Structure formats: C-alpha cells, structure tokens
Amino acid sequence: MKSLDELIAFYENFSAADVARFGEFYSADAWFKDPFNEVSGLPAIQRIFTHMFSQVAEPRFHIEESIVADNGAMLAWTFHYRMPRLGGGGNQVMRGASHLRFDAAGKVNYHRDYWDAAEELYMKLPAVSWLMRGLRRMIAA
C-alpha cells in the first residue's frame, strides 16, 4: 500500500518510464474515466498514459490541493505540456481535478478526471476555436 503523498509524488514526477509502475498504485481492475476515455483494468489505463506521452511533449502534473476522505481523495491539479500541433508548440496549461477511491489494500480502484475539454483543449484548436467562441457568445448570459 502506498500513501496518498507517494501517489502525488508519482504524478508530479511522472515520466514515460513510470507508466510501468501503475500497478504500485492502482488495482488490477481499476476503473478510469476522463472526457475522452472510459476504461477498466490496469493495461487499459496504462495505454491511456502511454498515448499521452506520444501526443504531448514535456507533460508535467502539479497537484495544487488534495482533499482526503476515508476511502478516497480529490486532487486539484494543473497539467503543463507542449503539443507541436497546438498553439505553435508553445507551453500549454490545463486545469482539472481527479476523484480517487481506494480499495481495502489502499490502491486506486476508481479514478475520474474532471476537466473542461471545451475551454482547456477545443478553444486552443485553430479549426475549432472560432466555433467554440461563437457558441460561448450565443449561450452566455
């Protein structure tokens, strides 16, 4: 069993080589969901993070805050990265939160990421941003 502090350090120092270490922190049947994925099982979760390293350069998580409950935690985070096809390859920032639940062994068995795909990603895509800005203006109070 790893502590929440060890899990936070894992994410804050995360590298492509660390994808193989997910089993130290996640149960074999863990469930993961974000705005683009919903998977079960350690290999599927590892594929998502392996894919992340193939899509972005210099990914880095910074955990801003953690709120701990008996069998879980909420982590507020900032994700820093560069994406060659986005924003001229410059530095990008995405803010979000992760809801984690732990099994009896203290491993993550539920991981749900919450982040605003429209604001944090789509608004940065040249072909889509004009549409998103128009929708935002149309819907705003």
N, C-alpha and C. Protein backbone atom coordinates (compact mmCIF):
# COMPACT_ATOMS: atom_id res chain seq x y z
N MET A 1 0.84 -1.19 0.00
CA MET A 1 0.00 0.00 0.00
C MET A 1 0.88 1.24 0.00
N LYS A 2 0.60 2.14 -0.91
CA LYS A 2 1.31 3.41 -0.99
C LYS A 2 0.44 4.49 -0.36
N SER A 3 1.07 5.53 0.13
CA SER A 3 0.32 6.63 0.72
C SER A 3 -0.12 7.60 -0.38
N LEU A 4 -1.07 8.46 -0.03
CA LEU A 4 -1.51 9.49 -0.97
C LEU A 4 -0.35 10.40 -1.34
N ASP A 5 0.51 10.70 -0.38
CA ASP A 5 1.69 11.53 -0.67
C ASP A 5 2.60 10.87 -1.71
N GLU A 6 2.74 9.54 -1.62
CA GLU A 6 3.55 8.82 -2.61
C GLU A 6 2.89 8.84 -3.99
N LEU A 7 1.56 8.74 -4.02
CA LEU A 7 0.83 8.83 -5.28
C LEU A 7 0.99 10.22 -5.89
N ILE A 8 0.89 11.24 -5.09
CA ILE A 8 1.06 12.62 -5.58
C ILE A 8 2.48 12.79 -6.12
N ALA A 9 3.48 12.30 -5.41
CA ALA A 9 4.87 12.38 -5.89
C ALA A 9 5.04 11.62 -7.20
N PHE A 10 4.36 10.47 -7.33
CA PHE A 10 4.39 9.69 -8.57
C PHE A 10 3.91 10.55 -9.73
N TYR A 11 2.78 11.21 -9.57
CA TYR A 11 2.24 12.03 -10.65
C TYR A 11 3.08 13.29 -10.90
N GLU A 12 3.58 13.89 -9.85
CA GLU A 12 4.36 15.12 -10.05
C GLU A 12 5.73 14.86 -10.68
N ASN A 13 6.21 13.64 -10.61
CA ASN A 13 7.50 13.27 -11.21
C ASN A 13 7.33 12.28 -12.35
N PHE A 14 6.15 12.21 -12.89
CA PHE A 14 5.74 11.21 -13.87
C PHE A 14 6.53 11.33 -15.17
N SER A 15 7.03 10.19 -15.65
CA SER A 15 7.71 10.12 -16.94
C SER A 15 7.17 8.93 -17.71
N ALA A 16 7.51 8.83 -18.98
CA ALA A 16 7.03 7.72 -19.80
C ALA A 16 7.43 6.37 -19.18
N ALA A 17 8.59 6.29 -18.60
CA ALA A 17 9.04 5.04 -17.98
C ALA A 17 8.19 4.66 -16.78
N ASP A 18 7.57 5.64 -16.13
CA ASP A 18 6.76 5.38 -14.93
C ASP A 18 5.41 4.73 -15.23
N VAL A 19 4.99 4.71 -16.49
CA VAL A 19 3.73 4.06 -16.83
C VAL A 19 3.74 2.61 -16.35
N ALA A 20 4.89 1.97 -16.41
CA ALA A 20 5.03 0.58 -15.96
C ALA A 20 4.79 0.43 -14.45
N ARG A 21 4.87 1.53 -13.71
CA ARG A 21 4.72 1.48 -12.25
C ARG A 21 3.29 1.63 -11.76
N PHE A 22 2.32 1.78 -12.65
CA PHE A 22 0.93 1.99 -12.22
C PHE A 22 0.45 0.91 -11.26
N GLY A 23 0.91 -0.32 -11.41
CA GLY A 23 0.50 -1.40 -10.53
C GLY A 23 0.87 -1.19 -9.08
N GLU A 24 1.83 -0.33 -8.82
CA GLU A 24 2.19 0.01 -7.43
C GLU A 24 1.09 0.81 -6.76
N PHE A 25 0.30 1.54 -7.56
CA PHE A 25 -0.68 2.48 -7.03
C PHE A 25 -2.12 2.13 -7.37
N TYR A 26 -2.34 1.38 -8.45
CA TYR A 26 -3.67 1.08 -8.95
C TYR A 26 -3.95 -0.42 -8.87
N SER A 27 -5.19 -0.77 -8.55
CA SER A 27 -5.57 -2.18 -8.52
C SER A 27 -5.66 -2.71 -9.95
N ALA A 28 -5.57 -4.02 -10.10
CA ALA A 28 -5.59 -4.64 -11.43
C ALA A 28 -6.89 -4.37 -12.17
N ASP A 29 -7.99 -4.18 -11.43
CA ASP A 29 -9.28 -3.95 -12.07
C ASP A 29 -9.74 -2.50 -11.94
N ALA A 30 -8.83 -1.58 -11.74
CA ALA A 30 -9.17 -0.16 -11.56
C ALA A 30 -9.97 0.36 -12.76
N TRP A 31 -10.84 1.34 -12.47
CA TRP A 31 -11.66 2.00 -13.48
C TRP A 31 -11.17 3.43 -13.63
N PHE A 32 -11.10 3.91 -14.87
CA PHE A 32 -10.62 5.26 -15.17
C PHE A 32 -11.54 5.92 -16.18
N LYS A 33 -11.86 7.20 -15.94
CA LYS A 33 -12.66 7.97 -16.89
C LYS A 33 -12.16 9.40 -16.93
N ASP A 34 -12.06 9.93 -18.14
CA ASP A 34 -11.81 11.35 -18.36
C ASP A 34 -12.72 11.78 -19.50
N PRO A 35 -12.65 13.02 -19.99
CA PRO A 35 -13.58 13.44 -21.04
C PRO A 35 -13.50 12.63 -22.34
N PHE A 36 -12.43 11.87 -22.56
CA PHE A 36 -12.26 11.13 -23.80
C PHE A 36 -12.20 9.62 -23.64
N ASN A 37 -12.03 9.12 -22.44
CA ASN A 37 -11.81 7.69 -22.22
C ASN A 37 -12.64 7.19 -21.06
N GLU A 38 -13.03 5.94 -21.14
CA GLU A 38 -13.61 5.22 -20.00
C GLU A 38 -13.15 3.79 -20.14
N VAL A 39 -12.29 3.35 -19.23
CA VAL A 39 -11.70 2.02 -19.32
C VAL A 39 -11.64 1.36 -17.95
N SER A 40 -11.50 0.03 -17.99
CA SER A 40 -11.29 -0.75 -16.78
C SER A 40 -10.05 -1.60 -16.97
N GLY A 41 -9.31 -1.76 -15.91
CA GLY A 41 -8.13 -2.61 -15.93
C GLY A 41 -6.84 -1.84 -16.10
N LEU A 42 -5.84 -2.33 -15.42
CA LEU A 42 -4.53 -1.67 -15.42
C LEU A 42 -3.93 -1.51 -16.82
N PRO A 43 -3.94 -2.54 -17.68
CA PRO A 43 -3.36 -2.35 -19.02
C PRO A 43 -4.04 -1.24 -19.82
N ALA A 44 -5.36 -1.10 -19.70
CA ALA A 44 -6.08 -0.06 -20.43
C ALA A 44 -5.72 1.32 -19.91
N ILE A 45 -5.57 1.46 -18.60
CA ILE A 45 -5.17 2.74 -18.02
C ILE A 45 -3.75 3.08 -18.47
N GLN A 46 -2.88 2.11 -18.46
CA GLN A 46 -1.51 2.34 -18.91
C GLN A 46 -1.47 2.78 -20.38
N ARG A 47 -2.34 2.21 -21.22
CA ARG A 47 -2.40 2.62 -22.63
C ARG A 47 -2.75 4.09 -22.77
N ILE A 48 -3.68 4.57 -21.93
CA ILE A 48 -4.08 5.97 -21.99
C ILE A 48 -2.88 6.87 -21.71
N PHE A 49 -2.12 6.55 -20.67
CA PHE A 49 -0.99 7.39 -20.32
C PHE A 49 0.18 7.23 -21.29
N THR A 50 0.36 6.05 -21.85
CA THR A 50 1.36 5.86 -22.90
C THR A 50 1.00 6.71 -24.10
N HIS A 51 -0.28 6.72 -24.45
CA HIS A 51 -0.76 7.55 -25.56
C HIS A 51 -0.51 9.03 -25.29
N MET A 52 -0.73 9.46 -24.03
CA MET A 52 -0.48 10.85 -23.66
C MET A 52 0.95 11.25 -24.00
N PHE A 53 1.91 10.38 -23.67
CA PHE A 53 3.31 10.70 -23.94
C PHE A 53 3.62 10.73 -25.44
N SER A 54 2.81 10.06 -26.26
CA SER A 54 3.02 10.11 -27.71
C SER A 54 2.39 11.36 -28.32
N GLN A 55 1.46 12.00 -27.61
CA GLN A 55 0.75 13.15 -28.14
C GLN A 55 1.31 14.50 -27.69
N VAL A 56 1.87 14.54 -26.49
CA VAL A 56 2.35 15.81 -25.94
C VAL A 56 3.81 15.70 -25.53
N ALA A 57 4.47 16.84 -25.54
CA ALA A 57 5.87 16.91 -25.11
C ALA A 57 5.92 17.53 -23.72
N GLU A 58 6.86 17.07 -22.95
CA GLU A 58 7.13 17.62 -21.62
C GLU A 58 5.90 17.69 -20.71
N PRO A 59 5.10 16.61 -20.64
CA PRO A 59 3.94 16.65 -19.74
C PRO A 59 4.37 16.66 -18.28
N ARG A 60 3.69 17.48 -17.51
CA ARG A 60 4.03 17.59 -16.09
C ARG A 60 2.78 17.96 -15.30
N PHE A 61 2.50 17.17 -14.27
CA PHE A 61 1.37 17.44 -13.38
C PHE A 61 1.88 18.14 -12.13
N HIS A 62 1.11 19.11 -11.68
CA HIS A 62 1.37 19.72 -10.38
C HIS A 62 0.08 19.64 -9.58
N ILE A 63 0.13 18.97 -8.44
CA ILE A 63 -1.04 18.83 -7.59
C ILE A 63 -1.13 20.08 -6.72
N GLU A 64 -2.19 20.83 -6.93
CA GLU A 64 -2.38 22.10 -6.22
C GLU A 64 -2.98 21.91 -4.83
N GLU A 65 -3.87 20.91 -4.71
CA GLU A 65 -4.59 20.71 -3.45
C GLU A 65 -5.11 19.28 -3.39
N SER A 66 -5.17 18.74 -2.19
CA SER A 66 -5.79 17.43 -2.01
C SER A 66 -6.78 17.50 -0.86
N ILE A 67 -7.90 16.84 -1.06
CA ILE A 67 -8.93 16.74 -0.02
C ILE A 67 -9.13 15.24 0.21
N VAL A 68 -8.91 14.81 1.43
CA VAL A 68 -8.89 13.38 1.74
C VAL A 68 -10.15 12.98 2.50
N ALA A 69 -10.70 11.83 2.12
CA ALA A 69 -11.83 11.22 2.81
C ALA A 69 -11.40 9.83 3.29
N ASP A 70 -12.30 9.12 3.95
CA ASP A 70 -11.96 7.80 4.50
C ASP A 70 -11.40 6.85 3.44
N ASN A 71 -12.05 6.75 2.31
CA ASN A 71 -11.62 5.79 1.30
C ASN A 71 -11.33 6.44 -0.05
N GLY A 72 -11.00 7.73 -0.04
CA GLY A 72 -10.74 8.40 -1.30
C GLY A 72 -10.15 9.77 -1.12
N ALA A 73 -10.02 10.45 -2.25
CA ALA A 73 -9.44 11.79 -2.24
C ALA A 73 -9.84 12.53 -3.51
N MET A 74 -9.81 13.84 -3.43
CA MET A 74 -9.95 14.71 -4.60
C MET A 74 -8.63 15.46 -4.73
N LEU A 75 -8.10 15.48 -5.93
CA LEU A 75 -6.87 16.19 -6.21
C LEU A 75 -7.14 17.27 -7.24
N ALA A 76 -6.85 18.51 -6.91
CA ALA A 76 -6.91 19.60 -7.88
C ALA A 76 -5.52 19.72 -8.48
N TRP A 77 -5.43 19.75 -9.82
CA TRP A 77 -4.13 19.71 -10.46
C TRP A 77 -4.05 20.69 -11.63
N THR A 78 -2.82 20.96 -11.99
CA THR A 78 -2.50 21.72 -13.19
C THR A 78 -1.59 20.84 -14.03
N PHE A 79 -1.93 20.71 -15.29
CA PHE A 79 -1.17 19.89 -16.23
C PHE A 79 -0.48 20.83 -17.21
N HIS A 80 0.83 20.77 -17.23
CA HIS A 80 1.65 21.59 -18.14
C HIS A 80 2.15 20.67 -19.26
N TYR A 81 2.14 21.16 -20.48
CA TYR A 81 2.59 20.35 -21.61
C TYR A 81 2.84 21.25 -22.82
N ARG A 82 3.45 20.65 -23.81
CA ARG A 82 3.58 21.28 -25.12
C ARG A 82 3.02 20.30 -26.14
N MET A 83 2.34 20.83 -27.14
CA MET A 83 1.79 19.99 -28.19
C MET A 83 2.20 20.62 -29.52
N PRO A 84 3.05 19.93 -30.27
CA PRO A 84 3.58 20.52 -31.51
C PRO A 84 2.50 21.06 -32.44
N ARG A 85 1.33 20.43 -32.49
CA ARG A 85 0.28 20.86 -33.40
C ARG A 85 -0.71 21.83 -32.76
N LEU A 86 -0.41 22.32 -31.57
CA LEU A 86 -1.33 23.18 -30.84
C LEU A 86 -0.59 24.41 -30.34
N GLY A 87 -1.13 25.56 -30.61
CA GLY A 87 -0.54 26.79 -30.09
C GLY A 87 0.89 27.00 -30.52
N GLY A 88 1.24 26.56 -31.73
CA GLY A 88 2.59 26.75 -32.22
C GLY A 88 3.63 25.94 -31.45
N GLY A 89 3.20 24.93 -30.72
CA GLY A 89 4.12 24.10 -29.97
C GLY A 89 4.57 24.71 -28.65
N GLY A 90 3.95 25.84 -28.29
CA GLY A 90 4.32 26.51 -27.05
C GLY A 90 3.76 25.82 -25.82
N ASN A 91 4.12 26.35 -24.68
CA ASN A 91 3.65 25.80 -23.40
C ASN A 91 2.15 25.97 -23.27
N GLN A 92 1.49 24.92 -22.79
CA GLN A 92 0.05 24.91 -22.58
C GLN A 92 -0.22 24.51 -21.13
N VAL A 93 -1.38 24.92 -20.62
CA VAL A 93 -1.78 24.59 -19.26
C VAL A 93 -3.23 24.11 -19.28
N MET A 94 -3.49 23.07 -18.55
CA MET A 94 -4.84 22.54 -18.38
C MET A 94 -5.07 22.36 -16.88
N ARG A 95 -6.23 22.79 -16.42
CA ARG A 95 -6.55 22.65 -15.00
C ARG A 95 -7.70 21.67 -14.84
N GLY A 96 -7.62 20.84 -13.80
CA GLY A 96 -8.67 19.87 -13.58
C GLY A 96 -8.61 19.29 -12.19
N ALA A 97 -9.39 18.25 -11.99
CA ALA A 97 -9.44 17.57 -10.70
C ALA A 97 -9.62 16.08 -10.93
N SER A 98 -9.11 15.30 -10.01
CA SER A 98 -9.25 13.84 -10.05
C SER A 98 -9.95 13.38 -8.78
N HIS A 99 -10.98 12.57 -8.96
CA HIS A 99 -11.66 11.93 -7.84
C HIS A 99 -11.13 10.51 -7.77
N LEU A 100 -10.53 10.16 -6.66
CA LEU A 100 -9.94 8.84 -6.46
C LEU A 100 -10.65 8.10 -5.34
N ARG A 101 -10.84 6.80 -5.52
CA ARG A 101 -11.30 5.92 -4.45
C ARG A 101 -10.30 4.80 -4.32
N PHE A 102 -10.14 4.32 -3.09
CA PHE A 102 -9.15 3.30 -2.79
C PHE A 102 -9.82 2.01 -2.34
N ASP A 103 -9.21 0.89 -2.72
CA ASP A 103 -9.73 -0.40 -2.26
C ASP A 103 -9.19 -0.71 -0.87
N ALA A 104 -9.51 -1.89 -0.35
CA ALA A 104 -9.09 -2.27 1.01
C ALA A 104 -7.58 -2.34 1.15
N ALA A 105 -6.87 -2.57 0.05
CA ALA A 105 -5.41 -2.63 0.07
C ALA A 105 -4.78 -1.24 -0.08
N GLY A 106 -5.61 -0.20 -0.24
CA GLY A 106 -5.09 1.15 -0.36
C GLY A 106 -4.71 1.55 -1.78
N LYS A 107 -5.08 0.73 -2.76
CA LYS A 107 -4.77 1.04 -4.16
C LYS A 107 -5.96 1.74 -4.81
N VAL A 108 -5.68 2.58 -5.79
CA VAL A 108 -6.73 3.27 -6.52
C VAL A 108 -7.53 2.24 -7.31
N ASN A 109 -8.84 2.24 -7.10
CA ASN A 109 -9.69 1.36 -7.91
C ASN A 109 -10.73 2.16 -8.69
N TYR A 110 -10.75 3.48 -8.49
CA TYR A 110 -11.66 4.39 -9.18
C TYR A 110 -10.90 5.70 -9.38
N HIS A 111 -10.81 6.15 -10.63
CA HIS A 111 -10.11 7.40 -10.94
C HIS A 111 -10.94 8.12 -12.00
N ARG A 112 -11.56 9.21 -11.61
CA ARG A 112 -12.35 10.01 -12.55
C ARG A 112 -11.74 11.40 -12.63
N ASP A 113 -11.34 11.77 -13.84
CA ASP A 113 -10.78 13.10 -14.08
C ASP A 113 -11.87 14.03 -14.59
N TYR A 114 -11.88 15.23 -14.03
CA TYR A 114 -12.81 16.28 -14.44
C TYR A 114 -11.99 17.45 -14.96
N TRP A 115 -12.20 17.78 -16.21
CA TRP A 115 -11.61 19.00 -16.78
C TRP A 115 -12.48 19.42 -17.95
N ASP A 116 -12.45 20.69 -18.25
CA ASP A 116 -13.31 21.28 -19.26
C ASP A 116 -12.65 21.15 -20.63
N ALA A 117 -13.05 20.15 -21.39
CA ALA A 117 -12.45 19.93 -22.71
C ALA A 117 -12.66 21.12 -23.63
N ALA A 118 -13.80 21.80 -23.52
CA ALA A 118 -14.06 22.95 -24.38
C ALA A 118 -13.06 24.07 -24.12
N GLU A 119 -12.92 24.45 -22.86
CA GLU A 119 -12.01 25.56 -22.53
C GLU A 119 -10.55 25.15 -22.59
N GLU A 120 -10.24 23.98 -22.08
CA GLU A 120 -8.85 23.59 -21.92
C GLU A 120 -8.22 22.99 -23.18
N LEU A 121 -9.05 22.57 -24.14
CA LEU A 121 -8.49 21.95 -25.33
C LEU A 121 -9.09 22.52 -26.62
N TYR A 122 -10.40 22.41 -26.78
CA TYR A 122 -11.02 22.82 -28.04
C TYR A 122 -10.77 24.28 -28.37
N MET A 123 -10.80 25.16 -27.37
CA MET A 123 -10.58 26.59 -27.61
C MET A 123 -9.17 26.87 -28.12
N LYS A 124 -8.27 25.92 -27.99
CA LYS A 124 -6.89 26.10 -28.43
C LYS A 124 -6.64 25.52 -29.81
N LEU A 125 -7.65 24.86 -30.39
CA LEU A 125 -7.50 24.27 -31.71
C LEU A 125 -7.95 25.29 -32.76
N PRO A 126 -7.06 25.69 -33.67
CA PRO A 126 -7.39 26.75 -34.62
C PRO A 126 -8.67 26.48 -35.42
N ALA A 127 -8.88 25.26 -35.88
CA ALA A 127 -10.03 24.97 -36.73
C ALA A 127 -11.34 24.96 -35.96
N VAL A 128 -11.28 24.83 -34.64
CA VAL A 128 -12.48 24.70 -33.83
C VAL A 128 -12.73 25.92 -32.95
N SER A 129 -11.69 26.67 -32.64
CA SER A 129 -11.81 27.75 -31.66
C SER A 129 -12.82 28.81 -32.08
N TRP A 130 -12.90 29.14 -33.36
CA TRP A 130 -13.87 30.17 -33.79
C TRP A 130 -15.30 29.70 -33.53
N LEU A 131 -15.57 28.43 -33.75
CA LEU A 131 -16.90 27.88 -33.48
C LEU A 131 -17.19 27.91 -31.98
N MET A 132 -16.22 27.51 -31.18
CA MET A 132 -16.41 27.48 -29.73
C MET A 132 -16.63 28.89 -29.17
N ARG A 133 -15.89 29.88 -29.67
CA ARG A 133 -16.09 31.26 -29.22
C ARG A 133 -17.50 31.74 -29.58
N GLY A 134 -17.96 31.40 -30.79
CA GLY A 134 -19.30 31.78 -31.21
C GLY A 134 -20.37 31.14 -30.33
N LEU A 135 -20.21 29.85 -30.04
CA LEU A 135 -21.15 29.18 -29.15
C LEU A 135 -21.15 29.79 -27.76
N ARG A 136 -19.98 30.13 -27.28
CA ARG A 136 -19.86 30.73 -25.95
C ARG A 136 -20.62 32.07 -25.91
N ARG A 137 -20.43 32.89 -26.95
CA ARG A 137 -21.12 34.19 -27.01
C ARG A 137 -22.64 34.00 -27.08
N MET A 138 -23.08 33.02 -27.84
CA MET A 138 -24.50 32.77 -28.02
C MET A 138 -25.17 32.29 -26.72
N ILE A 139 -24.46 31.51 -25.93
CA ILE A 139 -25.03 30.91 -24.73
C ILE A 139 -24.86 31.77 -23.49
N ALA A 140 -23.84 32.61 -23.47
CA ALA A 140 -23.52 33.41 -22.27
C ALA A 140 -24.67 34.35 -21.89
N ALA A 141 -24.78 34.59 -20.60
CA ALA A 141 -25.83 35.49 -20.08
C ALA A 141 -25.45 36.93 -20.33
